[in-house]
Amino acid sequence: MDATPRPASIDSILVKAGREHGRSAIAVNPPVHRASTYLFETLADFETASKTPFDGPFYGRVGTPTTFAFEQAVCELEGGHRTIATSSGVAAIGAALLAFLDRGDHVLVVDTVYEPVRRFCNRMLARLGIETTFYDPAAGDDIAGLVRPNTRVIYLESPGSGTFEMQDLRAVVAVARERGLRTIMDNTWATPVFLQPIALGIDVSVQSATKYIVGHSDAMLGTVTTTAETYDAVRRSTQDLGACAGSEECNLGLRGLRTLGVRLRRHEASALTLAAWLEDQPQVARVLHPGLPSFPGHALWKRDFSGACGLFSVELLPCEPASLRAMVDGLRHFGIGFSWGGYESLVLPVHPETRQIARWDGKGPVLRLHVGLEAVEDLRDDLAEGLARLRSA
């Protein structure tokens, strides 16, 4: 019999990641360490600690034991070299981009990107003299034609925000490797439970941990996971920006990680049930969910991802704005609000018609649904009543 232990599954890792076992008893849930200043017995001790400030308590802005526990846990899940916790997902994205871009550089960003990233590129990067080209998510290895001598980074998001276009991640990575470019990917939708970007050759994986990792809509948190080769540049960037995560938020991230696998699979099952049901509704033009066989990017999703979360969109048939409001305003279980990834269901209109390259060909309004942990029968009834209001209005 082979005595080699079988690698732990993702669910087992989620339970124990970031919790180091010593010889003495430890808390199952690492406690919150609230600290800004740490005192040292001697100047020699201080000088020794200052040589490796990110490896143990040194100063609150670079980490507390709670921060380090959370970072270690996410890094183990992502399969990276090191993870850095930040104050939000946008802070993580900004730090990752600025780690590799300087005045006169050029970055390629997928056109279906999270809207705050577009804003960051058009405002902050442009002001710093960094040029952005937005590219079609269907580019694949044709992205090579957009690479310039001063291109430094390709930024990916798959599926895309709002309309969920899938990218051929492997093709883009191959071009980036051939041209010596850094790749950064937003992995918030899949989380490390359903995708490990670094295993596909991507250099940096960012997440809005506010969403599924925290999972309870009560904390802002971001993560940047790097390879050994990219860690120093990203660490310098996060350090210079000062957008550190608080100990309380990291503790809430650790709490959320423990149930992430269980929650995600419930979100996935309920969302797929509703997505399939919505495809048959007469008021629906199309359902935008990578897990549906009818979705154009389904094959890419099936090749690279091991699951789907609870976020997808639906395009309705053309209707009057008042009819759409009647539908949305009357929903009982789908709240109207930003973000997603918590236990509650949410609905928001999205506006893909503002994109520059990946032109949206839809005619009716698009609603983004986050399917929470409520009973799927209640959610289906809520949507059915909403569609009936849409039709009658």
Protein backbone atom coordinates (compact mmCIF):
# COMPACT_ATOMS: atom_id res chain seq x y z
CA MET A 1 0.00 0.00 0.00
CA ASP A 2 1.34 3.44 -0.90
CA ALA A 3 2.21 5.30 2.30
CA THR A 4 2.34 8.69 0.56
CA PRO A 5 -0.44 10.82 2.03
CA ARG A 6 -3.05 12.08 -0.38
CA PRO A 7 -2.97 15.88 -0.83
CA ALA A 8 -5.60 17.59 1.24
CA SER A 9 -8.73 18.70 -0.59
CA ILE A 10 -9.64 22.38 -0.82
CA ASP A 11 -12.28 21.97 1.90
CA SER A 12 -9.74 20.61 4.38
CA ILE A 13 -7.32 23.41 3.55
CA LEU A 14 -10.05 26.00 4.12
CA VAL A 15 -10.58 24.73 7.67
CA LYS A 16 -6.94 24.88 8.79
CA ALA A 17 -5.10 27.33 6.51
CA GLY A 18 -3.36 30.15 8.36
CA ARG A 19 -3.47 28.36 11.71
CA GLU A 20 0.01 27.24 12.69
CA HIS A 21 0.23 24.41 15.19
CA GLY A 22 2.87 24.64 17.88
CA ARG A 23 3.60 22.46 20.87
CA SER A 24 1.21 24.33 23.14
CA ALA A 25 -2.52 24.77 22.81
CA ILE A 26 -3.73 27.30 20.23
CA ALA A 27 -7.03 28.92 19.43
CA VAL A 28 -9.04 27.29 16.65
CA ASN A 29 -9.87 30.78 15.38
CA PRO A 30 -6.76 33.05 15.53
CA PRO A 31 -7.59 36.01 17.77
CA VAL A 32 -7.66 39.64 16.71
CA HIS A 33 -4.39 41.46 17.42
CA ARG A 34 -5.05 45.20 17.57
CA ALA A 35 -1.71 46.95 17.39
CA SER A 36 0.12 49.79 15.70
CA THR A 37 3.34 49.87 17.72
CA TYR A 38 5.43 46.91 18.82
CA LEU A 39 8.12 47.32 21.47
CA PHE A 40 11.51 45.62 21.39
CA GLU A 41 13.75 44.83 24.35
CA THR A 42 16.93 46.11 22.71
CA LEU A 43 18.00 48.16 19.72
CA ALA A 44 19.63 45.02 18.34
CA ASP A 45 16.25 43.22 18.46
CA PHE A 46 14.62 46.13 16.64
CA GLU A 47 17.32 46.17 13.96
CA THR A 48 17.01 42.41 13.44
CA ALA A 49 13.22 42.63 13.05
CA SER A 50 13.53 45.57 10.66
CA LYS A 51 15.41 43.38 8.18
CA THR A 52 12.32 41.15 7.71
CA PRO A 53 9.38 43.43 8.65
CA PHE A 54 6.81 41.33 6.78
CA ASP A 55 7.67 38.06 8.50
CA GLY A 56 6.52 38.92 12.01
CA PRO A 57 5.24 41.74 14.22
CA PHE A 58 7.20 44.93 13.51
CA TYR A 59 4.73 47.75 12.83
CA GLY A 60 0.96 47.57 12.51
CA ARG A 61 0.82 48.91 8.95
CA VAL A 62 2.90 46.00 7.64
CA GLY A 63 1.00 43.39 9.59
CA THR A 64 -0.13 41.88 12.86
CA PRO A 65 -0.34 38.17 13.73
CA THR A 66 -3.97 38.30 12.54
CA THR A 67 -2.90 39.82 9.21
CA PHE A 68 -0.18 37.22 8.70
CA ALA A 69 -2.56 34.35 9.50
CA PHE A 70 -5.05 35.59 6.92
CA GLU A 71 -2.36 36.17 4.29
CA GLN A 72 -0.91 32.70 4.84
CA ALA A 73 -4.34 31.12 4.50
CA VAL A 74 -5.18 32.86 1.21
CA CYS A 75 -1.72 32.14 -0.18
CA GLU A 76 -2.10 28.43 0.53
CA LEU A 77 -5.45 28.41 -1.26
CA GLU A 78 -4.16 30.41 -4.25
CA GLY A 79 -1.00 28.31 -4.54
CA GLY A 80 1.22 31.37 -4.61
CA HIS A 81 4.48 32.49 -3.02
CA ARG A 82 3.09 35.23 -0.74
CA THR A 83 -0.22 37.02 -0.26
CA ILE A 84 -0.60 40.64 0.83
CA ALA A 85 -3.82 41.84 2.45
CA THR A 86 -5.11 45.28 1.47
CA SER A 87 -7.92 47.57 2.57
CA SER A 88 -10.17 46.68 -0.41
CA GLY A 89 -10.23 44.91 -3.74
CA VAL A 90 -9.65 48.19 -5.57
CA ALA A 91 -6.59 48.84 -3.38
CA ALA A 92 -5.28 45.39 -4.31
CA ILE A 93 -5.80 46.03 -8.02
CA GLY A 94 -4.21 49.48 -7.95
CA ALA A 95 -1.16 48.23 -6.06
CA ALA A 96 -0.71 45.30 -8.44
CA LEU A 97 -0.84 47.53 -11.53
CA LEU A 98 1.49 50.17 -10.10
CA ALA A 99 4.00 47.49 -9.11
CA PHE A 100 4.93 46.99 -12.78
CA LEU A 101 3.99 50.25 -14.53
CA ASP A 102 5.92 53.51 -14.81
CA ARG A 103 5.65 56.73 -16.79
CA GLY A 104 5.69 56.00 -20.52
CA ASP A 105 4.52 52.39 -20.12
CA HIS A 106 1.52 50.75 -21.76
CA VAL A 107 -0.96 48.28 -20.25
CA LEU A 108 -3.55 46.03 -21.92
CA VAL A 109 -6.81 45.74 -19.97
CA VAL A 110 -9.78 43.57 -20.91
CA ASP A 111 -12.74 45.72 -21.96
CA THR A 112 -15.19 43.76 -19.78
CA VAL A 113 -13.26 44.79 -16.68
CA TYR A 114 -14.70 45.79 -13.30
CA GLU A 115 -15.70 49.44 -13.71
CA PRO A 116 -13.44 50.85 -10.92
CA VAL A 117 -10.46 49.39 -12.81
CA ARG A 118 -11.46 51.29 -15.96
CA ARG A 119 -11.75 54.43 -13.84
CA PHE A 120 -8.34 53.81 -12.27
CA CYS A 121 -6.76 53.41 -15.70
CA ASN A 122 -8.48 56.43 -17.24
CA ARG A 123 -7.82 58.71 -14.28
CA MET A 124 -4.86 57.62 -12.16
CA LEU A 125 -2.73 55.80 -14.72
CA ALA A 126 -3.37 58.44 -17.39
CA ARG A 127 -2.31 61.18 -14.97
CA LEU A 128 0.92 59.27 -14.32
CA GLY A 129 1.67 59.07 -18.04
CA ILE A 130 0.71 55.40 -18.42
CA GLU A 131 -1.40 54.52 -21.46
CA THR A 132 -4.16 51.91 -21.40
CA THR A 133 -5.55 49.94 -24.34
CA PHE A 134 -8.78 48.04 -23.68
CA TYR A 135 -9.01 44.75 -25.57
CA ASP A 136 -11.78 42.36 -26.55
CA PRO A 137 -12.14 39.43 -24.09
CA ALA A 138 -12.33 37.13 -27.14
CA ALA A 139 -8.84 38.19 -28.27
CA GLY A 140 -7.04 35.00 -27.18
CA ASP A 141 -3.62 34.79 -28.79
CA ASP A 142 -4.61 37.63 -31.17
CA ILE A 143 -3.72 39.89 -28.26
CA ALA A 144 -0.16 39.65 -29.56
CA GLY A 145 -1.13 42.20 -32.21
CA LEU A 146 -1.84 44.78 -29.50
CA VAL A 147 1.49 44.43 -27.73
CA ARG A 148 3.79 47.43 -28.16
CA PRO A 149 7.48 47.86 -27.32
CA ASN A 150 6.46 49.68 -24.12
CA THR A 151 3.72 47.22 -23.07
CA ARG A 152 4.45 45.89 -19.59
CA VAL A 153 1.24 44.29 -18.26
CA ILE A 154 -1.83 42.38 -19.45
CA TYR A 155 -4.76 42.63 -17.05
CA LEU A 156 -7.37 39.85 -17.20
CA GLU A 157 -10.80 39.26 -15.71
CA SER A 158 -12.65 36.07 -16.54
CA PRO A 159 -15.58 35.95 -16.55
CA GLY A 160 -16.02 39.64 -17.31
CA SER A 161 -18.02 41.98 -15.13
CA GLY A 162 -21.73 42.16 -15.79
CA THR A 163 -21.90 40.07 -18.96
CA PHE A 164 -19.50 37.24 -18.04
CA GLU A 165 -17.50 36.82 -21.25
CA MET A 166 -14.84 34.14 -20.82
CA GLN A 167 -11.21 34.71 -21.78
CA ASP A 168 -8.84 32.09 -23.14
CA LEU A 169 -6.50 32.49 -20.20
CA ARG A 170 -3.96 29.98 -21.45
CA ALA A 171 -3.61 31.69 -24.83
CA VAL A 172 -3.13 35.13 -23.27
CA VAL A 173 -0.58 33.79 -20.79
CA ALA A 174 1.38 32.16 -23.61
CA VAL A 175 1.64 35.50 -25.42
CA ALA A 176 2.64 37.28 -22.22
CA ARG A 177 5.37 34.74 -21.47
CA GLU A 178 6.72 34.96 -25.02
CA ARG A 179 6.84 38.79 -24.87
CA GLY A 180 8.12 39.07 -21.29
CA LEU A 181 4.96 40.73 -19.96
CA ARG A 182 3.45 40.51 -16.50
CA THR A 183 -0.10 39.17 -16.14
CA ILE A 184 -2.56 40.18 -13.42
CA MET A 185 -5.97 38.56 -13.00
CA ASP A 186 -9.01 39.39 -10.91
CA ASN A 187 -10.05 36.07 -9.34
CA THR A 188 -12.95 37.36 -7.23
CA TRP A 189 -15.73 35.57 -9.15
CA ALA A 190 -14.22 32.08 -8.94
CA THR A 191 -12.19 32.45 -5.73
CA PRO A 192 -9.32 29.96 -5.25
CA VAL A 193 -11.94 27.26 -4.63
CA PHE A 194 -12.83 27.17 -8.33
CA LEU A 195 -9.70 28.57 -10.01
CA GLN A 196 -6.01 29.04 -9.18
CA PRO A 197 -4.70 31.58 -11.72
CA ILE A 198 -1.06 31.14 -10.69
CA ALA A 199 -1.25 27.46 -11.65
CA LEU A 200 -2.19 28.63 -15.16
CA GLY A 201 0.95 30.78 -15.35
CA ILE A 202 -0.54 34.12 -14.29
CA ASP A 203 1.88 36.25 -12.25
CA VAL A 204 -0.46 37.98 -9.82
CA SER A 205 -3.95 37.04 -8.60
CA VAL A 206 -6.07 39.76 -6.98
CA GLN A 207 -9.35 39.38 -5.15
CA SER A 208 -11.94 41.57 -3.57
CA ALA A 209 -12.12 39.54 -0.38
CA THR A 210 -15.03 41.81 0.54
CA LYS A 211 -17.13 39.45 -1.57
CA TYR A 212 -17.07 35.68 -1.04
CA ILE A 213 -14.12 35.40 1.34
CA VAL A 214 -15.64 37.67 3.98
CA GLY A 215 -19.02 36.37 2.88
CA HIS A 216 -21.21 38.34 5.29
CA SER A 217 -21.28 41.85 3.76
CA ASP A 218 -19.65 43.39 6.83
CA ALA A 219 -16.04 44.18 5.92
CA MET A 220 -13.91 45.69 3.15
CA LEU A 221 -10.84 43.60 2.29
CA GLY A 222 -8.56 42.79 -0.65
CA THR A 223 -5.77 40.35 -1.40
CA VAL A 224 -2.84 40.22 -3.82
CA THR A 225 -1.17 36.84 -4.29
CA THR A 226 2.16 36.72 -6.11
CA THR A 227 4.79 34.40 -7.45
CA ALA A 228 8.29 34.45 -5.95
CA GLU A 229 9.45 36.50 -8.93
CA THR A 230 6.80 39.20 -8.57
CA TYR A 231 6.54 39.43 -4.77
CA ASP A 232 9.12 42.14 -4.11
CA ALA A 233 7.66 44.56 -6.66
CA VAL A 234 4.11 44.09 -5.37
CA ARG A 235 5.19 44.34 -1.74
CA ARG A 236 6.97 47.64 -2.41
CA SER A 237 3.87 48.95 -4.15
CA THR A 238 1.46 48.04 -1.36
CA GLN A 239 3.91 49.42 1.20
CA ASP A 240 4.23 52.75 -0.61
CA LEU A 241 0.47 53.13 -1.04
CA GLY A 242 -0.20 52.33 2.61
CA ALA A 243 -3.59 50.73 1.89
CA CYS A 244 -3.16 48.08 4.56
CA ALA A 245 -5.89 45.81 5.85
CA GLY A 246 -7.07 46.16 9.44
CA SER A 247 -6.77 43.33 11.94
CA GLU A 248 -10.54 43.20 12.47
CA GLU A 249 -11.12 42.84 8.72
CA CYS A 250 -8.50 40.10 8.41
CA ASN A 251 -10.16 38.25 11.25
CA LEU A 252 -13.49 38.47 9.43
CA GLY A 253 -11.73 37.18 6.31
CA LEU A 254 -10.42 34.18 8.25
CA ARG A 255 -13.89 33.51 9.62
CA GLY A 256 -15.34 33.59 6.12
CA LEU A 257 -12.70 31.25 4.70
CA ARG A 258 -13.76 28.42 6.99
CA THR A 259 -17.17 28.14 5.36
CA LEU A 260 -16.23 29.36 1.87
CA GLY A 261 -16.40 25.94 0.21
CA VAL A 262 -19.80 25.09 1.69
CA ARG A 263 -21.27 28.50 0.87
CA LEU A 264 -19.92 28.61 -2.68
CA ARG A 265 -21.42 25.26 -3.60
CA ARG A 266 -24.82 26.37 -2.30
CA HIS A 267 -24.52 29.64 -4.24
CA GLU A 268 -23.50 27.67 -7.34
CA ALA A 269 -26.33 25.14 -7.17
CA SER A 270 -29.04 27.74 -6.56
CA ALA A 271 -27.72 30.08 -9.27
CA LEU A 272 -27.59 27.32 -11.87
CA THR A 273 -31.14 26.26 -10.97
CA LEU A 274 -32.42 29.81 -11.41
CA ALA A 275 -30.36 30.44 -14.55
CA ALA A 276 -31.79 27.34 -16.24
CA TRP A 277 -35.32 28.31 -15.18
CA LEU A 278 -34.88 31.89 -16.46
CA GLU A 279 -33.85 30.61 -19.89
CA ASP A 280 -37.42 29.32 -20.34
CA GLN A 281 -39.19 32.53 -19.30
CA PRO A 282 -40.86 34.46 -22.16
CA GLN A 283 -39.71 37.87 -20.87
CA VAL A 284 -36.04 36.81 -20.96
CA ALA A 285 -33.90 37.37 -24.05
CA ARG A 286 -30.86 35.45 -22.75
CA VAL A 287 -29.15 34.33 -19.57
CA LEU A 288 -25.47 35.17 -19.13
CA HIS A 289 -24.00 32.38 -17.00
CA PRO A 290 -20.78 30.54 -17.96
CA GLY A 291 -22.06 27.34 -16.38
CA LEU A 292 -24.93 27.03 -18.87
CA PRO A 293 -24.18 24.89 -21.97
CA SER A 294 -25.92 27.57 -24.06
CA PHE A 295 -23.44 30.26 -23.00
CA PRO A 296 -20.81 31.08 -25.67
CA GLY A 297 -17.88 30.79 -23.23
CA HIS A 298 -19.07 27.57 -21.59
CA ALA A 299 -16.27 25.41 -23.05
CA LEU A 300 -13.56 27.72 -21.70
CA TRP A 301 -15.25 27.80 -18.30
CA LYS A 302 -15.46 24.01 -18.23
CA ARG A 303 -11.80 23.64 -19.25
CA ASP A 304 -10.28 25.98 -16.65
CA PHE A 305 -12.76 26.30 -13.78
CA SER A 306 -13.98 23.67 -11.34
CA GLY A 307 -17.20 25.51 -10.46
CA ALA A 308 -19.22 28.71 -10.62
CA CYS A 309 -20.37 31.14 -7.96
CA GLY A 310 -23.78 32.76 -7.48
CA LEU A 311 -23.29 35.77 -9.75
CA PHE A 312 -24.73 35.98 -13.27
CA SER A 313 -26.86 38.29 -15.41
CA VAL A 314 -30.05 38.14 -17.41
CA GLU A 315 -30.97 40.22 -20.45
CA LEU A 316 -34.67 41.00 -20.62
CA LEU A 317 -36.68 41.76 -23.72
CA PRO A 318 -36.94 45.49 -24.52
CA CYS A 319 -39.30 47.23 -22.12
CA GLU A 320 -40.13 50.63 -20.72
CA PRO A 321 -38.03 51.89 -17.76
CA ALA A 322 -41.18 52.05 -15.63
CA SER A 323 -41.82 48.35 -16.26
CA LEU A 324 -38.30 47.44 -15.18
CA ARG A 325 -38.69 49.51 -12.02
CA ALA A 326 -41.96 47.77 -11.23
CA MET A 327 -40.22 44.43 -11.50
CA VAL A 328 -37.15 45.32 -9.42
CA ASP A 329 -38.79 47.50 -6.79
CA GLY A 330 -41.26 44.78 -5.85
CA LEU A 331 -38.73 42.00 -5.30
CA ARG A 332 -38.88 40.63 -1.75
CA HIS A 333 -35.73 38.51 -1.55
CA PHE A 334 -33.40 40.31 -3.97
CA GLY A 335 -32.12 43.48 -2.34
CA ILE A 336 -30.95 46.47 -4.38
CA GLY A 337 -27.35 47.25 -3.52
CA PHE A 338 -23.70 47.20 -4.51
CA SER A 339 -21.26 44.36 -4.05
CA TRP A 340 -22.09 40.64 -3.91
CA GLY A 341 -20.70 37.47 -2.35
CA GLY A 342 -22.61 37.71 0.90
CA TYR A 343 -25.36 35.39 2.05
CA GLU A 344 -28.12 37.66 0.74
CA SER A 345 -29.47 37.84 -2.81
CA LEU A 346 -28.99 41.10 -4.71
CA VAL A 347 -30.08 42.68 -7.99
CA LEU A 348 -28.67 45.64 -9.93
CA PRO A 349 -28.97 46.92 -13.52
CA VAL A 350 -25.70 46.85 -15.49
CA HIS A 351 -24.86 48.96 -18.52
CA PRO A 352 -22.50 47.15 -20.91
CA GLU A 353 -23.37 49.59 -23.68
CA THR A 354 -20.68 51.94 -22.31
CA ARG A 355 -17.82 49.64 -23.37
CA GLN A 356 -15.33 50.72 -26.01
CA ILE A 357 -14.21 47.51 -27.74
CA ALA A 358 -16.45 44.58 -26.74
CA ARG A 359 -19.56 46.24 -28.13
CA TRP A 360 -22.74 45.04 -26.50
CA ASP A 361 -25.33 43.79 -28.99
CA GLY A 362 -28.23 43.44 -26.56
CA LYS A 363 -31.49 45.32 -26.99
CA GLY A 364 -33.13 44.98 -23.59
CA PRO A 365 -32.09 45.89 -20.04
CA VAL A 366 -29.55 43.69 -18.24
CA LEU A 367 -29.96 42.75 -14.58
CA ARG A 368 -27.09 41.30 -12.56
CA LEU A 369 -28.29 38.78 -10.00
CA HIS A 370 -26.37 37.55 -7.00
CA VAL A 371 -28.06 34.39 -5.75
CA GLY A 372 -27.67 34.12 -2.01
CA LEU A 373 -28.36 31.39 0.52
CA GLU A 374 -32.13 31.78 0.69
CA ALA A 375 -34.32 28.84 -0.35
CA VAL A 376 -34.11 28.60 -4.13
CA GLU A 377 -37.88 28.07 -4.33
CA ASP A 378 -38.46 31.43 -2.65
CA LEU A 379 -36.03 33.14 -5.01
CA ARG A 380 -37.69 31.57 -8.04
CA ASP A 381 -41.14 32.66 -6.87
CA ASP A 382 -39.82 36.17 -6.26
CA LEU A 383 -38.43 36.39 -9.79
CA ALA A 384 -41.58 34.89 -11.29
CA GLU A 385 -43.70 37.53 -9.58
CA GLY A 386 -41.26 40.20 -10.75
CA LEU A 387 -41.47 39.04 -14.36
CA ALA A 388 -45.24 39.06 -14.09
CA ARG A 389 -45.13 42.69 -12.91
CA LEU A 390 -42.80 43.46 -15.82
CA ARG A 391 -45.27 41.98 -18.27
CA SER A 392 -48.35 43.66 -16.83
CA ALA A 393 -46.66 47.07 -16.44
